[in-house]
PDB file of N, CA and C in Angstrom:
ATOM      1  N   MET A   1      -3.258  12.914  12.163  1.00  0.00           N
ATOM      2  CA  MET A   1      -4.594  12.435  12.482  1.00  0.00           C
ATOM      3  C   MET A   1      -4.883  12.625  13.966  1.00  0.00           C
ATOM      4  N   ASP A   2      -3.877  12.545  14.815  1.00  0.00           N
ATOM      5  CA  ASP A   2      -4.106  12.747  16.244  1.00  0.00           C
ATOM      6  C   ASP A   2      -4.653  14.139  16.511  1.00  0.00           C
ATOM      7  N   ARG A   3      -4.141  15.124  15.811  1.00  0.00           N
ATOM      8  CA  ARG A   3      -4.618  16.499  15.994  1.00  0.00           C
ATOM      9  C   ARG A   3      -6.081  16.620  15.580  1.00  0.00           C
ATOM     10  N   ILE A   4      -6.445  15.986  14.499  1.00  0.00           N
ATOM     11  CA  ILE A   4      -7.830  16.026  14.041  1.00  0.00           C
ATOM     12  C   ILE A   4      -8.746  15.371  15.065  1.00  0.00           C
ATOM     13  N   GLU A   5      -8.315  14.238  15.629  1.00  0.00           N
ATOM     14  CA  GLU A   5      -9.125  13.554  16.619  1.00  0.00           C
ATOM     15  C   GLU A   5      -9.330  14.403  17.872  1.00  0.00           C
ATOM     16  N   LYS A   6      -8.323  15.183  18.259  1.00  0.00           N
ATOM     17  CA  LYS A   6      -8.426  16.022  19.455  1.00  0.00           C
ATOM     18  C   LYS A   6      -9.315  17.232  19.228  1.00  0.00           C
ATOM     19  N   GLU A   7      -9.264  17.831  18.031  1.00  0.00           N
ATOM     20  CA  GLU A   7      -9.951  19.087  17.778  1.00  0.00           C
ATOM     21  C   GLU A   7     -11.381  18.924  17.263  1.00  0.00           C
ATOM     22  N   THR A   8     -11.701  17.810  16.679  1.00  0.00           N
ATOM     23  CA  THR A   8     -13.045  17.620  16.137  1.00  0.00           C
ATOM     24  C   THR A   8     -13.393  16.140  16.149  1.00  0.00           C
ATOM     25  N   HIS A   9     -14.674  15.872  16.200  1.00  0.00           N
ATOM     26  CA  HIS A   9     -15.122  14.477  16.141  1.00  0.00           C
ATOM     27  C   HIS A   9     -15.688  14.134  14.764  1.00  0.00           C
ATOM     28  N   ALA A  10     -15.611  15.104  13.855  1.00  0.00           N
ATOM     29  CA  ALA A  10     -16.113  14.889  12.501  1.00  0.00           C
ATOM     30  C   ALA A  10     -15.109  14.078  11.687  1.00  0.00           C
ATOM     31  N   LYS A  11     -15.620  13.361  10.728  1.00  0.00           N
ATOM     32  CA  LYS A  11     -14.747  12.633   9.811  1.00  0.00           C
ATOM     33  C   LYS A  11     -14.152  13.609   8.808  1.00  0.00           C
ATOM     34  N   VAL A  12     -12.953  13.319   8.343  1.00  0.00           N
ATOM     35  CA  VAL A  12     -12.250  14.223   7.433  1.00  0.00           C
ATOM     36  C   VAL A  12     -12.262  13.674   6.007  1.00  0.00           C
ATOM     37  N   ILE A  13     -12.062  14.570   5.064  1.00  0.00           N
ATOM     38  CA  ILE A  13     -11.856  14.202   3.665  1.00  0.00           C
ATOM     39  C   ILE A  13     -10.376  14.436   3.380  1.00  0.00           C
ATOM     40  N   VAL A  14      -9.694  13.404   2.924  1.00  0.00           N
ATOM     41  CA  VAL A  14      -8.253  13.455   2.692  1.00  0.00           C
ATOM     42  C   VAL A  14      -8.012  13.555   1.192  1.00  0.00           C
ATOM     43  N   ILE A  15      -7.150  14.497   0.799  1.00  0.00           N
ATOM     44  CA  ILE A  15      -6.793  14.672  -0.610  1.00  0.00           C
ATOM     45  C   ILE A  15      -5.287  14.469  -0.750  1.00  0.00           C
ATOM     46  N   GLY A  16      -4.890  13.639  -1.696  1.00  0.00           N
ATOM     47  CA  GLY A  16      -3.469  13.402  -1.921  1.00  0.00           C
ATOM     48  C   GLY A  16      -3.135  13.436  -3.394  1.00  0.00           C
ATOM     49  N   THR A  17      -2.022  14.110  -3.723  1.00  0.00           N
ATOM     50  CA  THR A  17      -1.556  14.145  -5.105  1.00  0.00           C
ATOM     51  C   THR A  17      -0.177  13.506  -5.176  1.00  0.00           C
ATOM     52  N   ALA A  18       0.125  12.909  -6.309  1.00  0.00           N
ATOM     53  CA  ALA A  18       1.418  12.253  -6.543  1.00  0.00           C
ATOM     54  C   ALA A  18       1.730  11.293  -5.398  1.00  0.00           C
ATOM     55  N   ILE A  19       2.885  11.398  -4.776  1.00  0.00           N
ATOM     56  CA  ILE A  19       3.250  10.481  -3.695  1.00  0.00           C
ATOM     57  C   ILE A  19       2.370  10.703  -2.468  1.00  0.00           C
ATOM     58  N   GLY A  20       1.825  11.913  -2.313  1.00  0.00           N
ATOM     59  CA  GLY A  20       0.895  12.169  -1.214  1.00  0.00           C
ATOM     60  C   GLY A  20      -0.362  11.326  -1.315  1.00  0.00           C
ATOM     61  N   GLY A  21      -0.708  10.903  -2.534  1.00  0.00           N
ATOM     62  CA  GLY A  21      -1.849  10.022  -2.727  1.00  0.00           C
ATOM     63  C   GLY A  21      -1.650   8.683  -2.057  1.00  0.00           C
ATOM     64  N   TYR A  22      -0.429   8.198  -2.066  1.00  0.00           N
ATOM     65  CA  TYR A  22      -0.124   6.939  -1.381  1.00  0.00           C
ATOM     66  C   TYR A  22      -0.413   7.078   0.105  1.00  0.00           C
ATOM     67  N   PHE A  23       0.056   8.173   0.698  1.00  0.00           N
ATOM     68  CA  PHE A  23      -0.143   8.374   2.131  1.00  0.00           C
ATOM     69  C   PHE A  23      -1.602   8.659   2.467  1.00  0.00           C
ATOM     70  N   ALA A  24      -2.320   9.332   1.588  1.00  0.00           N
ATOM     71  CA  ALA A  24      -3.746   9.565   1.796  1.00  0.00           C
ATOM     72  C   ALA A  24      -4.502   8.240   1.781  1.00  0.00           C
ATOM     73  N   ALA A  25      -4.170   7.373   0.834  1.00  0.00           N
ATOM     74  CA  ALA A  25      -4.808   6.058   0.760  1.00  0.00           C
ATOM     75  C   ALA A  25      -4.452   5.219   1.979  1.00  0.00           C
ATOM     76  N   LEU A  26      -3.212   5.290   2.411  1.00  0.00           N
ATOM     77  CA  LEU A  26      -2.781   4.547   3.594  1.00  0.00           C
ATOM     78  C   LEU A  26      -3.525   5.034   4.829  1.00  0.00           C
ATOM     79  N   LEU A  27      -3.655   6.337   4.980  1.00  0.00           N
ATOM     80  CA  LEU A  27      -4.384   6.901   6.107  1.00  0.00           C
ATOM     81  C   LEU A  27      -5.838   6.441   6.096  1.00  0.00           C
ATOM     82  N   ALA A  28      -6.455   6.449   4.940  1.00  0.00           N
ATOM     83  CA  ALA A  28      -7.842   5.995   4.827  1.00  0.00           C
ATOM     84  C   ALA A  28      -7.971   4.518   5.172  1.00  0.00           C
ATOM     85  N   PHE A  29      -6.976   3.734   4.836  1.00  0.00           N
ATOM     86  CA  PHE A  29      -6.985   2.298   5.135  1.00  0.00           C
ATOM     87  C   PHE A  29      -6.804   2.040   6.628  1.00  0.00           C
ATOM     88  N   VAL A  30      -5.900   2.791   7.250  1.00  0.00           N
ATOM     89  CA  VAL A  30      -5.570   2.576   8.659  1.00  0.00           C
ATOM     90  C   VAL A  30      -6.617   3.195   9.594  1.00  0.00           C
ATOM     91  N   LYS A  31      -7.119   4.366   9.241  1.00  0.00           N
ATOM     92  CA  LYS A  31      -8.049   5.102  10.103  1.00  0.00           C
ATOM     93  C   LYS A  31      -9.427   5.208   9.455  1.00  0.00           C
ATOM     94  N   THR A  32     -10.013   4.079   9.074  1.00  0.00           N
ATOM     95  CA  THR A  32     -11.284   4.090   8.360  1.00  0.00           C
ATOM     96  C   THR A  32     -12.397   4.769   9.146  1.00  0.00           C
ATOM     97  N   CYS A  33     -12.357   4.712  10.463  1.00  0.00           N
ATOM     98  CA  CYS A  33     -13.422   5.317  11.258  1.00  0.00           C
ATOM     99  C   CYS A  33     -13.310   6.839  11.308  1.00  0.00           C
ATOM    100  N   ASN A  34     -12.170   7.419  10.920  1.00  0.00           N
ATOM    101  CA  ASN A  34     -11.975   8.865  10.970  1.00  0.00           C
ATOM    102  C   ASN A  34     -12.004   9.538   9.605  1.00  0.00           C
ATOM    103  N   VAL A  35     -11.986   8.761   8.530  1.00  0.00           N
ATOM    104  CA  VAL A  35     -11.913   9.326   7.183  1.00  0.00           C
ATOM    105  C   VAL A  35     -13.246   9.124   6.480  1.00  0.00           C
ATOM    106  N   ARG A  36     -13.837  10.234   6.055  1.00  0.00           N
ATOM    107  CA  ARG A  36     -15.117  10.182   5.344  1.00  0.00           C
ATOM    108  C   ARG A  36     -14.914   9.804   3.884  1.00  0.00           C
ATOM    109  N   ALA A  37     -13.897  10.401   3.245  1.00  0.00           N
ATOM    110  CA  ALA A  37     -13.620  10.148   1.833  1.00  0.00           C
ATOM    111  C   ALA A  37     -12.152  10.419   1.554  1.00  0.00           C
ATOM    112  N   THR A  38     -11.667   9.819   0.477  1.00  0.00           N
ATOM    113  CA  THR A  38     -10.297  10.039   0.034  1.00  0.00           C
ATOM    114  C   THR A  38     -10.325  10.398  -1.445  1.00  0.00           C
ATOM    115  N   VAL A  39      -9.650  11.492  -1.786  1.00  0.00           N
ATOM    116  CA  VAL A  39      -9.554  11.925  -3.173  1.00  0.00           C
ATOM    117  C   VAL A  39      -8.093  11.779  -3.591  1.00  0.00           C
ATOM    118  N   LEU A  40      -7.854  10.968  -4.607  1.00  0.00           N
ATOM    119  CA  LEU A  40      -6.502  10.749  -5.103  1.00  0.00           C
ATOM    120  C   LEU A  40      -6.380  11.371  -6.487  1.00  0.00           C
ATOM    121  N   VAL A  41      -5.418  12.284  -6.644  1.00  0.00           N
ATOM    122  CA  VAL A  41      -5.218  12.990  -7.905  1.00  0.00           C
ATOM    123  C   VAL A  41      -3.823  12.663  -8.420  1.00  0.00           C
ATOM    124  N   ASP A  42      -3.757  11.974  -9.561  1.00  0.00           N
ATOM    125  CA  ASP A  42      -2.467  11.593 -10.137  1.00  0.00           C
ATOM    126  C   ASP A  42      -1.596  10.903  -9.090  1.00  0.00           C
ATOM    127  N   ALA A  43      -2.220  10.000  -8.338  1.00  0.00           N
ATOM    128  CA  ALA A  43      -1.564   9.373  -7.198  1.00  0.00           C
ATOM    129  C   ALA A  43      -0.681   8.198  -7.615  1.00  0.00           C
ATOM    130  N   LEU A  44       0.389   8.015  -6.880  1.00  0.00           N
ATOM    131  CA  LEU A  44       1.311   6.901  -7.100  1.00  0.00           C
ATOM    132  C   LEU A  44       1.001   5.783  -6.104  1.00  0.00           C
ATOM    133  N   VAL A  45      -0.105   5.091  -6.340  1.00  0.00           N
ATOM    134  CA  VAL A  45      -0.513   4.041  -5.413  1.00  0.00           C
ATOM    135  C   VAL A  45      -0.425   2.644  -6.017  1.00  0.00           C
ATOM    136  N   ASN A  46       0.047   2.543  -7.229  1.00  0.00           N
ATOM    137  CA  ASN A  46       0.115   1.258  -7.898  1.00  0.00           C
ATOM    138  C   ASN A  46       1.474   0.597  -7.692  1.00  0.00           C
ATOM    139  N   SER A  47       1.920   0.537  -6.461  1.00  0.00           N
ATOM    140  CA  SER A  47       3.176  -0.128  -6.133  1.00  0.00           C
ATOM    141  C   SER A  47       2.851  -1.428  -5.418  1.00  0.00           C
ATOM    142  N   PRO A  48       3.104  -2.555  -6.049  1.00  0.00           N
ATOM    143  CA  PRO A  48       2.732  -3.825  -5.416  1.00  0.00           C
ATOM    144  C   PRO A  48       3.568  -4.092  -4.170  1.00  0.00           C
ATOM    145  N   MET A  49       2.916  -4.592  -3.148  1.00  0.00           N
ATOM    146  CA  MET A  49       3.605  -4.999  -1.927  1.00  0.00           C
ATOM    147  C   MET A  49       3.894  -6.488  -2.054  1.00  0.00           C
ATOM    148  N   ARG A  50       5.148  -6.848  -1.918  1.00  0.00           N
ATOM    149  CA  ARG A  50       5.549  -8.240  -2.091  1.00  0.00           C
ATOM    150  C   ARG A  50       5.392  -9.011  -0.791  1.00  0.00           C
ATOM    151  N   SER A  51       5.102 -10.278  -0.902  1.00  0.00           N
ATOM    152  CA  SER A  51       4.964 -11.157   0.253  1.00  0.00           C
ATOM    153  C   SER A  51       6.322 -11.375   0.907  1.00  0.00           C
ATOM    154  N   ARG A  52       6.358 -11.368   2.219  1.00  0.00           N
ATOM    155  CA  ARG A  52       7.611 -11.656   2.927  1.00  0.00           C
ATOM    156  C   ARG A  52       7.946 -13.145   2.842  1.00  0.00           C
ATOM    157  N   ALA A  53       6.908 -13.978   2.811  1.00  0.00           N
ATOM    158  CA  ALA A  53       7.128 -15.421   2.740  1.00  0.00           C
ATOM    159  C   ALA A  53       7.614 -15.842   1.364  1.00  0.00           C
ATOM    160  N   ASN A  54       7.105 -15.200   0.309  1.00  0.00           N
ATOM    161  CA  ASN A  54       7.482 -15.530  -1.056  1.00  0.00           C
ATOM    162  C   ASN A  54       7.536 -14.232  -1.866  1.00  0.00           C
ATOM    163  N   PRO A  55       8.705 -13.614  -1.990  1.00  0.00           N
ATOM    164  CA  PRO A  55       8.827 -12.320  -2.676  1.00  0.00           C
ATOM    165  C   PRO A  55       8.370 -12.315  -4.143  1.00  0.00           C
ATOM    166  N   ASP A  56       8.174 -13.489  -4.726  1.00  0.00           N
ATOM    167  CA  ASP A  56       7.695 -13.549  -6.101  1.00  0.00           C
ATOM    168  C   ASP A  56       6.179 -13.394  -6.190  1.00  0.00           C
ATOM    169  N   GLN A  57       5.504 -13.358  -5.039  1.00  0.00           N
ATOM    170  CA  GLN A  57       4.046 -13.242  -4.986  1.00  0.00           C
ATOM    171  C   GLN A  57       3.645 -11.938  -4.306  1.00  0.00           C
ATOM    172  N   PRO A  58       2.459 -11.428  -4.628  1.00  0.00           N
ATOM    173  CA  PRO A  58       1.983 -10.240  -3.914  1.00  0.00           C
ATOM    174  C   PRO A  58       1.624 -10.598  -2.468  1.00  0.00           C
ATOM    175  N   ALA A  59       1.689  -9.604  -1.598  1.00  0.00           N
ATOM    176  CA  ALA A  59       1.352  -9.828  -0.192  1.00  0.00           C
ATOM    177  C   ALA A  59      -0.141 -10.123  -0.055  1.00  0.00           C
ATOM    178  N   THR A  60      -0.465 -10.981   0.890  1.00  0.00           N
ATOM    179  CA  THR A  60      -1.864 -11.286   1.169  1.00  0.00           C
ATOM    180  C   THR A  60      -2.464 -10.159   2.007  1.00  0.00           C
ATOM    181  N   ILE A  61      -3.770 -10.158   2.133  1.00  0.00           N
ATOM    182  CA  ILE A  61      -4.450  -9.149   2.966  1.00  0.00           C
ATOM    183  C   ILE A  61      -3.955  -9.243   4.411  1.00  0.00           C
ATOM    184  N   ASP A  62      -3.772 -10.449   4.924  1.00  0.00           N
ATOM    185  CA  ASP A  62      -3.285 -10.625   6.298  1.00  0.00           C
ATOM    186  C   ASP A  62      -1.885 -10.038   6.472  1.00  0.00           C
ATOM    187  N   GLU A  63      -1.020 -10.223   5.475  1.00  0.00           N
ATOM    188  CA  GLU A  63       0.330  -9.656   5.554  1.00  0.00           C
ATOM    189  C   GLU A  63       0.277  -8.128   5.541  1.00  0.00           C
ATOM    190  N   ARG A  64      -0.596  -7.573   4.722  1.00  0.00           N
ATOM    191  CA  ARG A  64      -0.732  -6.115   4.663  1.00  0.00           C
ATOM    192  C   ARG A  64      -1.264  -5.564   5.978  1.00  0.00           C
ATOM    193  N   ASP A  65      -2.277  -6.218   6.534  1.00  0.00           N
ATOM    194  CA  ASP A  65      -2.846  -5.764   7.806  1.00  0.00           C
ATOM    195  C   ASP A  65      -1.862  -5.853   8.959  1.00  0.00           C
ATOM    196  N   SER A  66      -0.963  -6.831   8.914  1.00  0.00           N
ATOM    197  CA  SER A  66      -0.018  -7.022  10.021  1.00  0.00           C
ATOM    198  C   SER A  66       1.010  -5.889  10.102  1.00  0.00           C
ATOM    199  N   LEU A  67       1.153  -5.105   9.032  1.00  0.00           N
ATOM    200  CA  LEU A  67       2.115  -3.995   9.039  1.00  0.00           C
ATOM    201  C   LEU A  67       1.607  -2.807   9.840  1.00  0.00           C
ATOM    202  N   PHE A  68       0.301  -2.757  10.115  1.00  0.00           N
ATOM    203  CA  PHE A  68      -0.271  -1.605  10.804  1.00  0.00           C
ATOM    204  C   PHE A  68      -0.666  -2.000  12.167  1.00  0.00           C
TER     205      PHE A  68
END
């Protein structure tokens, strides 16, 4: 993404397949101001993130945001 920011000021469209879909979705989440759209094809993004405070529960939005 750093290279894209240096070479152009346009927003990008990110495409991810299989495990690349996870990273495409993550990039779109982290760099929302630089990503115009995300296309996920047969993506593996349905992996629940567990809470650090209580591993039996899913992570809260605040816990997810704190990782970035």
